[in-house]
């Protein structure tokens, strides 16, 4: 189902993506419409699946997760049933923050967080021992250069719109 978004919808998305905790009254003020239609639009965007949810972004280091690393997994078989089984397995591992199925030499790229190197080594052992895993390559992160948990909306903003205006 294709949803047509107008300029107000794009402004709502832009504002909520930058601050999902603001009140509907504040949101309606920022986008230039009254509160009741603003709330109706937000609910319609949620029902259409464009707004998937709201959450707090946590700093993993402040919570004791000092190691962030990537694990690149190559499976023995890329049959759909095997790919699905691997995805189901890692979905239950809280140390795997995000995972992507890829084309090419690596089947899965996973961003992992653990308290320390020993914990990460144990996670890698678990991944390596999983059914259908051929090998696992890892890369420890040294520094995060960018963390933008937002969708770039500039392409959808109406001509002449300025972000934050």
C-alpha atoms as a PDB file:
ATOM      1  CA  UNK A   1       0.000   0.000   0.000  1.00  0.00           C
ATOM      2  CA  UNK A   2       1.435   3.346  -1.055  1.00  0.00           C
ATOM      3  CA  UNK A   3       0.821   6.264   1.266  1.00  0.00           C
ATOM      4  CA  UNK A   4       0.923   9.774  -0.145  1.00  0.00           C
ATOM      5  CA  UNK A   5       2.665  12.190   2.159  1.00  0.00           C
ATOM      6  CA  UNK A   6       2.114  15.918   1.952  1.00  0.00           C
ATOM      7  CA  UNK A   7       4.344  18.701   3.284  1.00  0.00           C
ATOM      8  CA  UNK A   8       2.763  18.558   6.750  1.00  0.00           C
ATOM      9  CA  UNK A   9       3.314  14.793   7.004  1.00  0.00           C
ATOM     10  CA  UNK A  10       6.989  15.245   6.114  1.00  0.00           C
ATOM     11  CA  UNK A  11       7.317  17.972   8.768  1.00  0.00           C
ATOM     12  CA  UNK A  12       5.650  15.713  11.357  1.00  0.00           C
ATOM     13  CA  UNK A  13       8.053  12.880  10.538  1.00  0.00           C
ATOM     14  CA  UNK A  14      11.050  15.196  10.666  1.00  0.00           C
ATOM     15  CA  UNK A  15      10.073  16.648  14.040  1.00  0.00           C
ATOM     16  CA  UNK A  16       9.169  13.313  15.638  1.00  0.00           C
ATOM     17  CA  UNK A  17      12.346  11.690  14.402  1.00  0.00           C
ATOM     18  CA  UNK A  18      14.393  14.403  16.103  1.00  0.00           C
ATOM     19  CA  UNK A  19      12.311  14.411  19.309  1.00  0.00           C
ATOM     20  CA  UNK A  20       9.779  11.620  19.776  1.00  0.00           C
ATOM     21  CA  UNK A  21       8.971  12.759  23.326  1.00  0.00           C
ATOM     22  CA  UNK A  22       7.382  16.092  22.484  1.00  0.00           C
ATOM     23  CA  UNK A  23       3.715  16.559  23.205  1.00  0.00           C
ATOM     24  CA  UNK A  24       1.162  16.629  20.434  1.00  0.00           C
ATOM     25  CA  UNK A  25       0.527  20.295  21.237  1.00  0.00           C
ATOM     26  CA  UNK A  26       4.214  21.123  20.724  1.00  0.00           C
ATOM     27  CA  UNK A  27       4.340  19.021  17.560  1.00  0.00           C
ATOM     28  CA  UNK A  28       1.272  20.750  16.130  1.00  0.00           C
ATOM     29  CA  UNK A  29       2.838  24.154  16.907  1.00  0.00           C
ATOM     30  CA  UNK A  30       6.073  23.195  15.138  1.00  0.00           C
ATOM     31  CA  UNK A  31       4.336  21.921  12.001  1.00  0.00           C
ATOM     32  CA  UNK A  32       1.777  24.726  11.866  1.00  0.00           C
ATOM     33  CA  UNK A  33      -1.542  22.925  12.354  1.00  0.00           C
ATOM     34  CA  UNK A  34      -3.909  22.559  15.300  1.00  0.00           C
ATOM     35  CA  UNK A  35      -3.546  19.684  17.755  1.00  0.00           C
ATOM     36  CA  UNK A  36      -6.530  17.451  16.766  1.00  0.00           C
ATOM     37  CA  UNK A  37      -5.615  17.087  13.064  1.00  0.00           C
ATOM     38  CA  UNK A  38      -1.961  16.689  14.041  1.00  0.00           C
ATOM     39  CA  UNK A  39      -2.843  13.769  16.290  1.00  0.00           C
ATOM     40  CA  UNK A  40      -4.981  12.220  13.525  1.00  0.00           C
ATOM     41  CA  UNK A  41      -2.063  12.491  11.104  1.00  0.00           C
ATOM     42  CA  UNK A  42       0.381  10.934  13.579  1.00  0.00           C
ATOM     43  CA  UNK A  43      -2.005   8.035  14.184  1.00  0.00           C
ATOM     44  CA  UNK A  44      -2.470   7.570  10.434  1.00  0.00           C
ATOM     45  CA  UNK A  45       1.341   7.492   9.978  1.00  0.00           C
ATOM     46  CA  UNK A  46       1.567   4.889  12.757  1.00  0.00           C
ATOM     47  CA  UNK A  47      -1.229   2.760  11.279  1.00  0.00           C
ATOM     48  CA  UNK A  48       0.416   2.914   7.840  1.00  0.00           C
ATOM     49  CA  UNK A  49       3.612   1.564   9.413  1.00  0.00           C
ATOM     50  CA  UNK A  50       5.662   4.639   8.516  1.00  0.00           C
ATOM     51  CA  UNK A  51       6.142   5.369  12.216  1.00  0.00           C
ATOM     52  CA  UNK A  52       7.180   1.991  13.600  1.00  0.00           C
ATOM     53  CA  UNK A  53       7.436   2.976  17.255  1.00  0.00           C
ATOM     54  CA  UNK A  54       9.139   5.137  19.841  1.00  0.00           C
ATOM     55  CA  UNK A  55      12.107   4.318  22.048  1.00  0.00           C
ATOM     56  CA  UNK A  56      14.848   5.752  24.190  1.00  0.00           C
ATOM     57  CA  UNK A  57      18.357   5.577  22.748  1.00  0.00           C
ATOM     58  CA  UNK A  58      20.730   4.267  25.404  1.00  0.00           C
ATOM     59  CA  UNK A  59      24.484   4.695  25.681  1.00  0.00           C
ATOM     60  CA  UNK A  60      25.864   1.152  25.907  1.00  0.00           C
ATOM     61  CA  UNK A  61      29.161   2.211  27.504  1.00  0.00           C
ATOM     62  CA  UNK A  62      27.333   3.920  30.384  1.00  0.00           C
ATOM     63  CA  UNK A  63      25.595   0.606  31.033  1.00  0.00           C
ATOM     64  CA  UNK A  64      28.787  -1.462  31.098  1.00  0.00           C
ATOM     65  CA  UNK A  65      28.927  -2.640  27.487  1.00  0.00           C
ATOM     66  CA  UNK A  66      32.439  -1.440  26.743  1.00  0.00           C
ATOM     67  CA  UNK A  67      33.123  -3.543  23.660  1.00  0.00           C
ATOM     68  CA  UNK A  68      31.413  -3.036  20.327  1.00  0.00           C
ATOM     69  CA  UNK A  69      32.396  -5.239  17.412  1.00  0.00           C
ATOM     70  CA  UNK A  70      31.250  -6.563  14.083  1.00  0.00           C
ATOM     71  CA  UNK A  71      30.911 -10.258  13.350  1.00  0.00           C
ATOM     72  CA  UNK A  72      30.872 -11.323   9.717  1.00  0.00           C
ATOM     73  CA  UNK A  73      29.332 -14.769   9.334  1.00  0.00           C
ATOM     74  CA  UNK A  74      29.714 -17.049   6.331  1.00  0.00           C
ATOM     75  CA  UNK A  75      27.266 -19.957   6.246  1.00  0.00           C
ATOM     76  CA  UNK A  76      27.805 -23.338   4.652  1.00  0.00           C
ATOM     77  CA  UNK A  77      24.416 -23.223   2.939  1.00  0.00           C
ATOM     78  CA  UNK A  78      22.429 -20.231   1.742  1.00  0.00           C
ATOM     79  CA  UNK A  79      19.211 -22.190   1.303  1.00  0.00           C
ATOM     80  CA  UNK A  80      16.262 -20.155   2.504  1.00  0.00           C
ATOM     81  CA  UNK A  81      15.527 -22.556   5.353  1.00  0.00           C
ATOM     82  CA  UNK A  82      19.137 -22.242   6.598  1.00  0.00           C
ATOM     83  CA  UNK A  83      19.147 -18.459   6.342  1.00  0.00           C
ATOM     84  CA  UNK A  84      15.847 -18.318   8.216  1.00  0.00           C
ATOM     85  CA  UNK A  85      17.150 -20.652  10.932  1.00  0.00           C
ATOM     86  CA  UNK A  86      20.234 -18.496  11.476  1.00  0.00           C
ATOM     87  CA  UNK A  87      18.129 -15.329  11.648  1.00  0.00           C
ATOM     88  CA  UNK A  88      15.797 -16.960  14.170  1.00  0.00           C
ATOM     89  CA  UNK A  89      18.734 -18.015  16.337  1.00  0.00           C
ATOM     90  CA  UNK A  90      20.434 -14.601  16.460  1.00  0.00           C
ATOM     91  CA  UNK A  91      17.115 -12.860  17.098  1.00  0.00           C
ATOM     92  CA  UNK A  92      17.311 -14.294  20.636  1.00  0.00           C
ATOM     93  CA  UNK A  93      20.875 -13.142  21.346  1.00  0.00           C
ATOM     94  CA  UNK A  94      20.729  -9.779  23.150  1.00  0.00           C
ATOM     95  CA  UNK A  95      24.402  -9.066  22.402  1.00  0.00           C
ATOM     96  CA  UNK A  96      23.538  -8.793  18.698  1.00  0.00           C
ATOM     97  CA  UNK A  97      22.238  -5.234  18.400  1.00  0.00           C
ATOM     98  CA  UNK A  98      21.588  -5.389  14.682  1.00  0.00           C
ATOM     99  CA  UNK A  99      22.150  -7.800  11.827  1.00  0.00           C
ATOM    100  CA  UNK A 100      22.018  -7.625   8.067  1.00  0.00           C
ATOM    101  CA  UNK A 101      21.831 -10.417   5.522  1.00  0.00           C
ATOM    102  CA  UNK A 102      24.250  -9.568   2.733  1.00  0.00           C
ATOM    103  CA  UNK A 103      25.122 -10.656  -0.750  1.00  0.00           C
ATOM    104  CA  UNK A 104      28.706 -11.609  -1.538  1.00  0.00           C
ATOM    105  CA  UNK A 105      31.332 -13.405   0.550  1.00  0.00           C
ATOM    106  CA  UNK A 106      29.667 -12.680   3.886  1.00  0.00           C
ATOM    107  CA  UNK A 107      26.132 -13.876   4.590  1.00  0.00           C
ATOM    108  CA  UNK A 108      25.485 -11.868   7.757  1.00  0.00           C
ATOM    109  CA  UNK A 109      27.010  -8.760   9.260  1.00  0.00           C
ATOM    110  CA  UNK A 110      26.172  -8.313  12.931  1.00  0.00           C
ATOM    111  CA  UNK A 111      26.847  -5.406  15.256  1.00  0.00           C
ATOM    112  CA  UNK A 112      27.512  -6.829  18.716  1.00  0.00           C
ATOM    113  CA  UNK A 113      27.988  -5.293  22.161  1.00  0.00           C
ATOM    114  CA  UNK A 114      29.459  -7.040  25.181  1.00  0.00           C
ATOM    115  CA  UNK A 115      30.920  -5.961  28.508  1.00  0.00           C
ATOM    116  CA  UNK A 116      34.444  -7.083  27.633  1.00  0.00           C
ATOM    117  CA  UNK A 117      36.676  -9.035  25.248  1.00  0.00           C
ATOM    118  CA  UNK A 118      36.141 -12.364  27.028  1.00  0.00           C
ATOM    119  CA  UNK A 119      32.370 -12.019  26.657  1.00  0.00           C
ATOM    120  CA  UNK A 120      32.775 -11.226  22.970  1.00  0.00           C
ATOM    121  CA  UNK A 121      35.055 -14.241  22.509  1.00  0.00           C
ATOM    122  CA  UNK A 122      32.373 -16.430  24.117  1.00  0.00           C
ATOM    123  CA  UNK A 123      29.764 -14.977  21.755  1.00  0.00           C
ATOM    124  CA  UNK A 124      32.016 -15.726  18.770  1.00  0.00           C
ATOM    125  CA  UNK A 125      32.415 -19.301  20.021  1.00  0.00           C
ATOM    126  CA  UNK A 126      28.621 -19.614  20.201  1.00  0.00           C
ATOM    127  CA  UNK A 127      28.243 -18.228  16.682  1.00  0.00           C
ATOM    128  CA  UNK A 128      30.974 -20.514  15.324  1.00  0.00           C
ATOM    129  CA  UNK A 129      29.361 -23.562  16.951  1.00  0.00           C
ATOM    130  CA  UNK A 130      25.943 -22.749  15.492  1.00  0.00           C
ATOM    131  CA  UNK A 131      24.553 -25.085  12.820  1.00  0.00           C
ATOM    132  CA  UNK A 132      25.479 -24.218   9.243  1.00  0.00           C
ATOM    133  CA  UNK A 133      28.219 -21.684  10.162  1.00  0.00           C
ATOM    134  CA  UNK A 134      31.342 -22.050   8.001  1.00  0.00           C
ATOM    135  CA  UNK A 135      33.387 -19.280   9.608  1.00  0.00           C
ATOM    136  CA  UNK A 136      33.218 -16.026  11.509  1.00  0.00           C
ATOM    137  CA  UNK A 137      35.430 -13.005  11.010  1.00  0.00           C
ATOM    138  CA  UNK A 138      35.421 -10.200  13.543  1.00  0.00           C
ATOM    139  CA  UNK A 139      36.436  -6.569  13.746  1.00  0.00           C
ATOM    140  CA  UNK A 140      36.612  -4.672  17.023  1.00  0.00           C
ATOM    141  CA  UNK A 141      35.525  -1.062  16.834  1.00  0.00           C
ATOM    142  CA  UNK A 142      38.009   1.585  17.897  1.00  0.00           C
ATOM    143  CA  UNK A 143      35.825   4.665  17.722  1.00  0.00           C
ATOM    144  CA  UNK A 144      32.351   5.430  16.477  1.00  0.00           C
ATOM    145  CA  UNK A 145      32.582   8.172  13.883  1.00  0.00           C
ATOM    146  CA  UNK A 146      28.866   8.564  13.257  1.00  0.00           C
ATOM    147  CA  UNK A 147      25.673   7.343  14.848  1.00  0.00           C
ATOM    148  CA  UNK A 148      22.622   8.732  13.100  1.00  0.00           C
ATOM    149  CA  UNK A 149      19.618   6.591  14.043  1.00  0.00           C
ATOM    150  CA  UNK A 150      17.415   8.625  11.721  1.00  0.00           C
ATOM    151  CA  UNK A 151      16.196   8.332   8.150  1.00  0.00           C
ATOM    152  CA  UNK A 152      17.438  11.216   5.952  1.00  0.00           C
ATOM    153  CA  UNK A 153      14.192  12.977   5.110  1.00  0.00           C
ATOM    154  CA  UNK A 154      15.625  15.844   3.065  1.00  0.00           C
ATOM    155  CA  UNK A 155      14.700  14.074  -0.187  1.00  0.00           C
ATOM    156  CA  UNK A 156      11.038  14.038   0.841  1.00  0.00           C
ATOM    157  CA  UNK A 157      10.821  17.531   2.234  1.00  0.00           C
ATOM    158  CA  UNK A 158       8.996  19.962  -0.032  1.00  0.00           C
ATOM    159  CA  UNK A 159      11.049  22.215  -2.324  1.00  0.00           C
ATOM    160  CA  UNK A 160      12.228  25.288  -0.483  1.00  0.00           C
ATOM    161  CA  UNK A 161      11.812  23.714   2.967  1.00  0.00           C
ATOM    162  CA  UNK A 162      14.631  24.265   5.366  1.00  0.00           C
ATOM    163  CA  UNK A 163      15.293  21.818   8.130  1.00  0.00           C
ATOM    164  CA  UNK A 164      14.489  23.334  11.502  1.00  0.00           C
ATOM    165  CA  UNK A 165      12.747  26.366   9.998  1.00  0.00           C
END
